[in-house]
Amino acid sequence: MSELSSTMYSRRNPANSGRRISAVEITGSPARSFRDWAIDHAADFR
């Protein structure tokens, strides 16, 4: 998770500000690598 997302979450939920949140908890699926994302979106940049 990005630092910005963590900061935004902690501002909205001060009681949970020390808690680390996984990508799965936020998005519902595991984080993908940049390589996988780039392969899936290559056509968008052509």
PDB file of N, CA and C in Angstrom:
ATOM      1  N   MET A   1       0.840  -1.173   0.000  1.00  0.00           N
ATOM      2  CA  MET A   1       0.000   0.000   0.000  1.00  0.00           C
ATOM      3  C   MET A   1       0.882   1.233   0.000  1.00  0.00           C
ATOM      4  N   SER A   2       0.447   2.218  -0.700  1.00  0.00           N
ATOM      5  CA  SER A   2       1.246   3.435  -0.771  1.00  0.00           C
ATOM      6  C   SER A   2       1.168   4.220   0.529  1.00  0.00           C
ATOM      7  N   GLU A   3       2.179   5.018   0.747  1.00  0.00           N
ATOM      8  CA  GLU A   3       2.228   5.862   1.946  1.00  0.00           C
ATOM      9  C   GLU A   3       1.059   6.842   1.957  1.00  0.00           C
ATOM     10  N   LEU A   4       0.702   7.380   0.785  1.00  0.00           N
ATOM     11  CA  LEU A   4      -0.410   8.321   0.701  1.00  0.00           C
ATOM     12  C   LEU A   4      -1.717   7.658   1.122  1.00  0.00           C
ATOM     13  N   SER A   5      -1.972   6.449   0.648  1.00  0.00           N
ATOM     14  CA  SER A   5      -3.195   5.743   1.026  1.00  0.00           C
ATOM     15  C   SER A   5      -3.245   5.509   2.523  1.00  0.00           C
ATOM     16  N   SER A   6      -2.119   5.142   3.091  1.00  0.00           N
ATOM     17  CA  SER A   6      -2.041   4.910   4.528  1.00  0.00           C
ATOM     18  C   SER A   6      -2.332   6.185   5.303  1.00  0.00           C
ATOM     19  N   THR A   7      -1.771   7.289   4.845  1.00  0.00           N
ATOM     20  CA  THR A   7      -1.996   8.582   5.506  1.00  0.00           C
ATOM     21  C   THR A   7      -3.456   8.986   5.408  1.00  0.00           C
ATOM     22  N   MET A   8      -4.051   8.826   4.232  1.00  0.00           N
ATOM     23  CA  MET A   8      -5.456   9.190   4.055  1.00  0.00           C
ATOM     24  C   MET A   8      -6.347   8.339   4.955  1.00  0.00           C
ATOM     25  N   TYR A   9      -6.056   7.050   5.044  1.00  0.00           N
ATOM     26  CA  TYR A   9      -6.848   6.162   5.884  1.00  0.00           C
ATOM     27  C   TYR A   9      -6.744   6.567   7.345  1.00  0.00           C
ATOM     28  N   SER A  10      -5.544   6.866   7.801  1.00  0.00           N
ATOM     29  CA  SER A  10      -5.360   7.190   9.212  1.00  0.00           C
ATOM     30  C   SER A  10      -6.039   8.504   9.578  1.00  0.00           C
ATOM     31  N   ARG A  11      -6.139   9.423   8.645  1.00  0.00           N
ATOM     32  CA  ARG A  11      -6.842  10.684   8.926  1.00  0.00           C
ATOM     33  C   ARG A  11      -8.339  10.452   9.089  1.00  0.00           C
ATOM     34  N   ARG A  12      -8.877   9.531   8.324  1.00  0.00           N
ATOM     35  CA  ARG A  12     -10.306   9.242   8.424  1.00  0.00           C
ATOM     36  C   ARG A  12     -10.631   8.377   9.635  1.00  0.00           C
ATOM     37  N   ASN A  13      -9.680   7.571  10.062  1.00  0.00           N
ATOM     38  CA  ASN A  13      -9.898   6.615  11.141  1.00  0.00           C
ATOM     39  C   ASN A  13      -8.762   6.699  12.156  1.00  0.00           C
ATOM     40  N   PRO A  14      -8.717   7.759  12.955  1.00  0.00           N
ATOM     41  CA  PRO A  14      -7.590   7.953  13.879  1.00  0.00           C
ATOM     42  C   PRO A  14      -7.355   6.781  14.829  1.00  0.00           C
ATOM     43  N   ALA A  15      -8.385   6.061  15.202  1.00  0.00           N
ATOM     44  CA  ALA A  15      -8.223   4.938  16.130  1.00  0.00           C
ATOM     45  C   ALA A  15      -7.392   3.820  15.507  1.00  0.00           C
ATOM     46  N   ASN A  16      -7.376   3.738  14.185  1.00  0.00           N
ATOM     47  CA  ASN A  16      -6.641   2.686  13.483  1.00  0.00           C
ATOM     48  C   ASN A  16      -5.351   3.192  12.843  1.00  0.00           C
ATOM     49  N   SER A  17      -4.889   4.363  13.207  1.00  0.00           N
ATOM     50  CA  SER A  17      -3.770   4.980  12.497  1.00  0.00           C
ATOM     51  C   SER A  17      -2.474   4.177  12.574  1.00  0.00           C
ATOM     52  N   GLY A  18      -2.274   3.358  13.587  1.00  0.00           N
ATOM     53  CA  GLY A  18      -1.056   2.571  13.687  1.00  0.00           C
ATOM     54  C   GLY A  18      -1.154   1.226  12.999  1.00  0.00           C
ATOM     55  N   ARG A  19      -2.306   0.895  12.501  1.00  0.00           N
ATOM     56  CA  ARG A  19      -2.554  -0.407  11.894  1.00  0.00           C
ATOM     57  C   ARG A  19      -2.150  -0.407  10.423  1.00  0.00           C
ATOM     58  N   ARG A  20      -1.401  -1.426  10.002  1.00  0.00           N
ATOM     59  CA  ARG A  20      -1.026  -1.567   8.592  1.00  0.00           C
ATOM     60  C   ARG A  20      -2.127  -2.354   7.888  1.00  0.00           C
ATOM     61  N   ILE A  21      -2.487  -1.912   6.717  1.00  0.00           N
ATOM     62  CA  ILE A  21      -3.580  -2.526   5.976  1.00  0.00           C
ATOM     63  C   ILE A  21      -3.019  -3.152   4.703  1.00  0.00           C
ATOM     64  N   SER A  22      -3.449  -4.350   4.407  1.00  0.00           N
ATOM     65  CA  SER A  22      -2.953  -5.031   3.209  1.00  0.00           C
ATOM     66  C   SER A  22      -3.743  -4.596   1.974  1.00  0.00           C
ATOM     67  N   ALA A  23      -3.143  -4.819   0.815  1.00  0.00           N
ATOM     68  CA  ALA A  23      -3.818  -4.514  -0.447  1.00  0.00           C
ATOM     69  C   ALA A  23      -5.094  -5.337  -0.572  1.00  0.00           C
ATOM     70  N   VAL A  24      -5.055  -6.569  -0.105  1.00  0.00           N
ATOM     71  CA  VAL A  24      -6.237  -7.434  -0.177  1.00  0.00           C
ATOM     72  C   VAL A  24      -7.385  -6.835   0.625  1.00  0.00           C
ATOM     73  N   GLU A  25      -7.078  -6.299   1.784  1.00  0.00           N
ATOM     74  CA  GLU A  25      -8.114  -5.714   2.628  1.00  0.00           C
ATOM     75  C   GLU A  25      -8.751  -4.496   1.957  1.00  0.00           C
ATOM     76  N   ILE A  26      -7.983  -3.748   1.198  1.00  0.00           N
ATOM     77  CA  ILE A  26      -8.497  -2.541   0.546  1.00  0.00           C
ATOM     78  C   ILE A  26      -9.183  -2.859  -0.777  1.00  0.00           C
ATOM     79  N   THR A  27      -8.525  -3.644  -1.624  1.00  0.00           N
ATOM     80  CA  THR A  27      -9.035  -3.871  -2.976  1.00  0.00           C
ATOM     81  C   THR A  27      -9.790  -5.178  -3.155  1.00  0.00           C
ATOM     82  N   GLY A  28      -9.606  -6.108  -2.228  1.00  0.00           N
ATOM     83  CA  GLY A  28     -10.250  -7.404  -2.349  1.00  0.00           C
ATOM     84  C   GLY A  28      -9.436  -8.418  -3.132  1.00  0.00           C
ATOM     85  N   SER A  29      -8.271  -8.012  -3.621  1.00  0.00           N
ATOM     86  CA  SER A  29      -7.399  -8.946  -4.342  1.00  0.00           C
ATOM     87  C   SER A  29      -5.938  -8.616  -4.049  1.00  0.00           C
ATOM     88  N   PRO A  30      -5.053  -9.592  -4.224  1.00  0.00           N
ATOM     89  CA  PRO A  30      -3.633  -9.346  -3.943  1.00  0.00           C
ATOM     90  C   PRO A  30      -3.043  -8.296  -4.883  1.00  0.00           C
ATOM     91  N   ALA A  31      -1.996  -7.653  -4.444  1.00  0.00           N
ATOM     92  CA  ALA A  31      -1.305  -6.670  -5.277  1.00  0.00           C
ATOM     93  C   ALA A  31      -0.710  -7.362  -6.496  1.00  0.00           C
ATOM     94  N   ARG A  32      -0.683  -6.640  -7.604  1.00  0.00           N
ATOM     95  CA  ARG A  32      -0.092  -7.165  -8.834  1.00  0.00           C
ATOM     96  C   ARG A  32       1.254  -6.505  -9.057  1.00  0.00           C
ATOM     97  N   SER A  33       2.099  -7.188  -9.786  1.00  0.00           N
ATOM     98  CA  SER A  33       3.393  -6.585 -10.112  1.00  0.00           C
ATOM     99  C   SER A  33       3.189  -5.554 -11.223  1.00  0.00           C
ATOM    100  N   PHE A  34       4.138  -4.633 -11.334  1.00  0.00           N
ATOM    101  CA  PHE A  34       4.073  -3.656 -12.415  1.00  0.00           C
ATOM    102  C   PHE A  34       4.130  -4.370 -13.761  1.00  0.00           C
ATOM    103  N   ARG A  35       4.921  -5.422 -13.844  1.00  0.00           N
ATOM    104  CA  ARG A  35       5.044  -6.179 -15.093  1.00  0.00           C
ATOM    105  C   ARG A  35       3.689  -6.730 -15.528  1.00  0.00           C
ATOM    106  N   ASP A  36       2.961  -7.350 -14.600  1.00  0.00           N
ATOM    107  CA  ASP A  36       1.640  -7.893 -14.929  1.00  0.00           C
ATOM    108  C   ASP A  36       0.690  -6.787 -15.383  1.00  0.00           C
ATOM    109  N   TRP A  37       0.713  -5.660 -14.675  1.00  0.00           N
ATOM    110  CA  TRP A  37      -0.144  -4.534 -15.034  1.00  0.00           C
ATOM    111  C   TRP A  37       0.214  -4.021 -16.428  1.00  0.00           C
ATOM    112  N   ALA A  38       1.510  -3.871 -16.706  1.00  0.00           N
ATOM    113  CA  ALA A  38       1.959  -3.359 -17.999  1.00  0.00           C
ATOM    114  C   ALA A  38       1.544  -4.281 -19.142  1.00  0.00           C
ATOM    115  N   ILE A  39       1.667  -5.579 -18.937  1.00  0.00           N
ATOM    116  CA  ILE A  39       1.257  -6.537 -19.968  1.00  0.00           C
ATOM    117  C   ILE A  39      -0.240  -6.411 -20.233  1.00  0.00           C
ATOM    118  N   ASP A  40      -1.030  -6.330 -19.177  1.00  0.00           N
ATOM    119  CA  ASP A  40      -2.483  -6.236 -19.329  1.00  0.00           C
ATOM    120  C   ASP A  40      -2.934  -4.927 -19.973  1.00  0.00           C
ATOM    121  N   HIS A  41      -2.156  -3.854 -19.836  1.00  0.00           N
ATOM    122  CA  HIS A  41      -2.566  -2.540 -20.337  1.00  0.00           C
ATOM    123  C   HIS A  41      -1.726  -2.027 -21.505  1.00  0.00           C
ATOM    124  N   ALA A  42      -0.890  -2.867 -22.080  1.00  0.00           N
ATOM    125  CA  ALA A  42      -0.007  -2.441 -23.173  1.00  0.00           C
ATOM    126  C   ALA A  42      -0.788  -1.820 -24.330  1.00  0.00           C
ATOM    127  N   ALA A  43      -1.915  -2.392 -24.675  1.00  0.00           N
ATOM    128  CA  ALA A  43      -2.709  -1.871 -25.796  1.00  0.00           C
ATOM    129  C   ALA A  43      -3.216  -0.452 -25.534  1.00  0.00           C
ATOM    130  N   ASP A  44      -3.411  -0.098 -24.278  1.00  0.00           N
ATOM    131  CA  ASP A  44      -3.879   1.249 -23.941  1.00  0.00           C
ATOM    132  C   ASP A  44      -2.863   2.323 -24.311  1.00  0.00           C
ATOM    133  N   PHE A  45      -1.610   1.943 -24.484  1.00  0.00           N
ATOM    134  CA  PHE A  45      -0.546   2.901 -24.760  1.00  0.00           C
ATOM    135  C   PHE A  45      -0.060   2.841 -26.209  1.00  0.00           C
ATOM    136  N   ARG A  46      -0.742   2.093 -27.034  1.00  0.00           N
ATOM    137  CA  ARG A  46      -0.357   1.994 -28.452  1.00  0.00           C
ATOM    138  C   ARG A  46      -1.168   2.945 -29.282  1.00  0.00           C
TER     139      ARG A  46
END
